[in-house]
Each structure stands twice: as C-alpha cells, then as structure tokens.
Amino acid sequence: MSGYRNRLEARVGAVLPPEYAYESTRLPYTLAHHYLPDFIDTAAKRIVEVKGRFQASDRAKMKAIRQQYPDYEIEIRFQSPQTKIAKNSKTTYADWCEKNGIAWSKA
C-alpha cells in the first residue's frame, strides 16, 4: 500500500499521473451556520442555553459561538449536568463546560 490509508486509495493512486500528490496539502474550510439561542439578553450580551442532551454537534457549536462572540456570556442549564458526554468517557457535561470556559448550572 506504500503510504496510502487503504487499498482503494492505493489503486487510484497507481493510475493517476505523477503530478497528483497524495495527502500533501491541507485546505482549511468553514461551514456557515446560524445559531438561535434559547434565551438572550442582547443589551447585557448574555445567553442562556437549555440542554437535556448535549451531543457532539452541540458542543462544537457552543465552542464556535464562544470563539466568535467572546463578548457574550454563555451559560448552559442542563437537565443532568453529571451525564457523561459519551458512553466510554469520564467527562461529564459539566466537566466539558468547565474545560471550555462556559458557565453551567442544573436546570
């Protein structure tokens, strides 16, 4: 396979002309989304988000909002803040918030 991740890539790489380099360049990209906070005080720049489940997509969204709107204070109110983020993880919803600088409380 000589550096390829799988046999299919190796087969395709074998028939492409030599000007095609394998995984030589990273191309950054962004996806445009919109966030609709559960509760927002725009004057005070405070957001309260209410979560029962806190899925990976929600965690990614909250990290992005935190980065792109640093002047907003975000608090997530969880139904069960001690729930693990995944079956095999030791990290709880509350732990994740603390690690990422997001305030949390029990709803």
Protein backbone atom coordinates (compact mmCIF):
# COMPACT_ATOMS: atom_id res chain seq x y z
CA MET A 1 0.00 0.00 0.00
CA SER A 2 3.04 2.24 0.35
CA GLY A 3 1.77 5.19 2.42
CA TYR A 4 -1.89 5.04 1.46
CA ARG A 5 -4.62 4.61 4.06
CA ASN A 6 -6.33 1.74 2.28
CA ARG A 7 -6.22 -0.44 -0.83
CA LEU A 8 -8.74 1.64 -2.75
CA GLU A 9 -6.60 4.79 -2.40
CA ALA A 10 -3.54 2.75 -3.44
CA ARG A 11 -5.35 1.51 -6.57
CA VAL A 12 -6.48 5.00 -7.56
CA GLY A 13 -3.03 6.46 -6.78
CA ALA A 14 -1.41 3.88 -9.05
CA VAL A 15 -3.35 5.08 -12.10
CA LEU A 16 -3.20 8.85 -11.54
CA PRO A 17 -0.45 10.86 -13.25
CA PRO A 18 2.57 11.77 -11.06
CA GLU A 19 1.50 15.43 -10.67
CA TYR A 20 -1.18 14.24 -8.23
CA ALA A 21 0.41 14.26 -4.76
CA TYR A 22 -1.18 12.08 -2.07
CA GLU A 23 -2.42 13.99 1.01
CA SER A 24 0.22 16.69 0.58
CA THR A 25 -1.84 19.83 1.23
CA ARG A 26 -4.34 20.78 3.94
CA LEU A 27 -7.15 23.05 2.80
CA PRO A 28 -8.92 24.80 5.69
CA TYR A 29 -12.65 25.36 5.30
CA THR A 30 -15.53 26.74 7.29
CA LEU A 31 -19.23 26.00 7.19
CA ALA A 32 -21.72 28.81 7.63
CA HIS A 33 -24.45 28.12 10.19
CA HIS A 34 -26.88 30.16 12.24
CA TYR A 35 -27.35 29.87 15.99
CA LEU A 36 -30.67 30.63 17.63
CA PRO A 37 -30.10 30.92 21.40
CA ASP A 38 -32.83 29.64 23.70
CA PHE A 39 -32.76 32.85 25.77
CA ILE A 40 -30.77 36.00 25.08
CA ASP A 41 -30.38 39.39 26.75
CA THR A 42 -28.87 41.33 23.85
CA ALA A 43 -28.32 44.51 25.88
CA ALA A 44 -26.26 42.67 28.52
CA LYS A 45 -24.85 40.22 25.94
CA ARG A 46 -25.88 37.16 27.94
CA ILE A 47 -27.07 33.83 26.52
CA VAL A 48 -28.77 31.01 28.42
CA GLU A 49 -28.96 27.70 26.58
CA VAL A 50 -31.09 24.84 27.97
CA LYS A 51 -30.00 21.26 27.27
CA GLY A 52 -31.33 17.82 28.05
CA ARG A 53 -28.85 16.06 25.75
CA PHE A 54 -25.53 17.69 24.85
CA GLN A 55 -24.44 15.99 21.65
CA ALA A 56 -21.10 16.41 19.88
CA SER A 57 -22.66 18.77 17.32
CA ASP A 58 -23.99 20.98 20.15
CA ARG A 59 -20.56 21.00 21.82
CA ALA A 60 -18.88 22.04 18.56
CA LYS A 61 -21.49 24.77 18.07
CA MET A 62 -21.02 26.16 21.58
CA LYS A 63 -17.22 26.23 21.15
CA ALA A 64 -17.63 28.12 17.87
CA ILE A 65 -20.07 30.61 19.40
CA ARG A 66 -17.72 31.14 22.35
CA GLN A 67 -14.82 31.84 19.96
CA GLN A 68 -16.71 34.05 17.54
CA TYR A 69 -18.67 36.03 20.13
CA PRO A 70 -16.20 36.47 23.01
CA ASP A 71 -18.11 39.49 24.33
CA TYR A 72 -21.17 37.33 25.07
CA GLU A 73 -21.50 35.50 28.38
CA ILE A 74 -22.85 31.99 27.83
CA GLU A 75 -24.47 29.75 30.41
CA ILE A 76 -25.82 26.27 29.72
CA ARG A 77 -28.51 24.92 32.03
CA PHE A 78 -28.54 21.14 31.99
CA GLN A 79 -31.26 18.73 32.97
CA SER A 80 -28.49 16.35 34.18
CA PRO A 81 -25.06 18.03 34.29
CA GLN A 82 -23.36 14.84 35.54
CA THR A 83 -24.27 12.89 32.40
CA LYS A 84 -21.22 11.61 30.51
CA ILE A 85 -20.58 13.12 27.06
CA ALA A 86 -20.16 9.58 25.69
CA LYS A 87 -20.63 6.04 26.96
CA ASN A 88 -16.92 5.36 27.44
CA SER A 89 -15.95 8.87 28.58
CA LYS A 90 -15.24 10.04 32.11
CA THR A 91 -16.06 13.63 31.09
CA THR A 92 -19.47 14.93 32.15
CA TYR A 93 -21.42 17.77 30.56
CA ALA A 94 -20.35 19.96 33.50
CA ASP A 95 -16.67 18.95 33.09
CA TRP A 96 -16.80 19.81 29.41
CA CYS A 97 -18.21 23.28 30.14
CA GLU A 98 -15.58 23.99 32.77
CA LYS A 99 -12.79 22.86 30.44
CA ASN A 100 -14.14 25.15 27.68
CA GLY A 101 -14.81 28.21 29.86
CA ILE A 102 -18.59 28.06 29.62
CA ALA A 103 -20.73 28.60 32.71
CA TRP A 104 -23.23 25.89 33.56
CA SER A 105 -25.89 25.07 36.13
CA LYS A 106 -28.58 22.48 36.77
CA ALA A 107 -31.93 23.50 35.29
